Amino acid sequence: MSASAPHAPGRVLALTETTFGSAIRSHELVVVDFWASWCAPCRRFFPIFAAVAAEHPEVLFASVDTESEPGLAAAANIRALPTLMLFRDGLLVQTHQGGLRASRLTRMLEAVRAQDMGSAGAPGPEAGQG
């Protein structure tokens, strides 16, 4: 479920505790999928996530393997898998637990894009400030 670095638009970038902070600040919109290899809903959702990523190259789509990055999963307060976090301008503006259809994920992106940032979000997990 990971992608190779450096990030290519329309691809899913695998994040680590070291790269998370800079990644969520690198694009106006960032969608992060927290997943695990043993999670059947995660495996079903990932092709949808990757397909929406291909349709939105202006958005950074990233994933965090919670088995490899337990500290990051704890910092993000992940309690269910898959969990999506949507960031705008480095701020966490929406969280969703569970898989989605492509149309619903696209609507979420549109809603976050249209959101008034004067009333938005909180900073993301503190891990990976570099």
Foldseek 3Di string as FASTA:
>chain_A
DADDDDDDFLAAHEDALQCVQVVLQVAQKEKEWEAEPVDPQQVVQVVLLSNLRNVCSRYHYYYYHCVVHVVLCVLQVDDAPGKMFMGGNQFTFDIDHTHDHNVVVVVVVVCVVPDDCVPGGDHGRPGNND
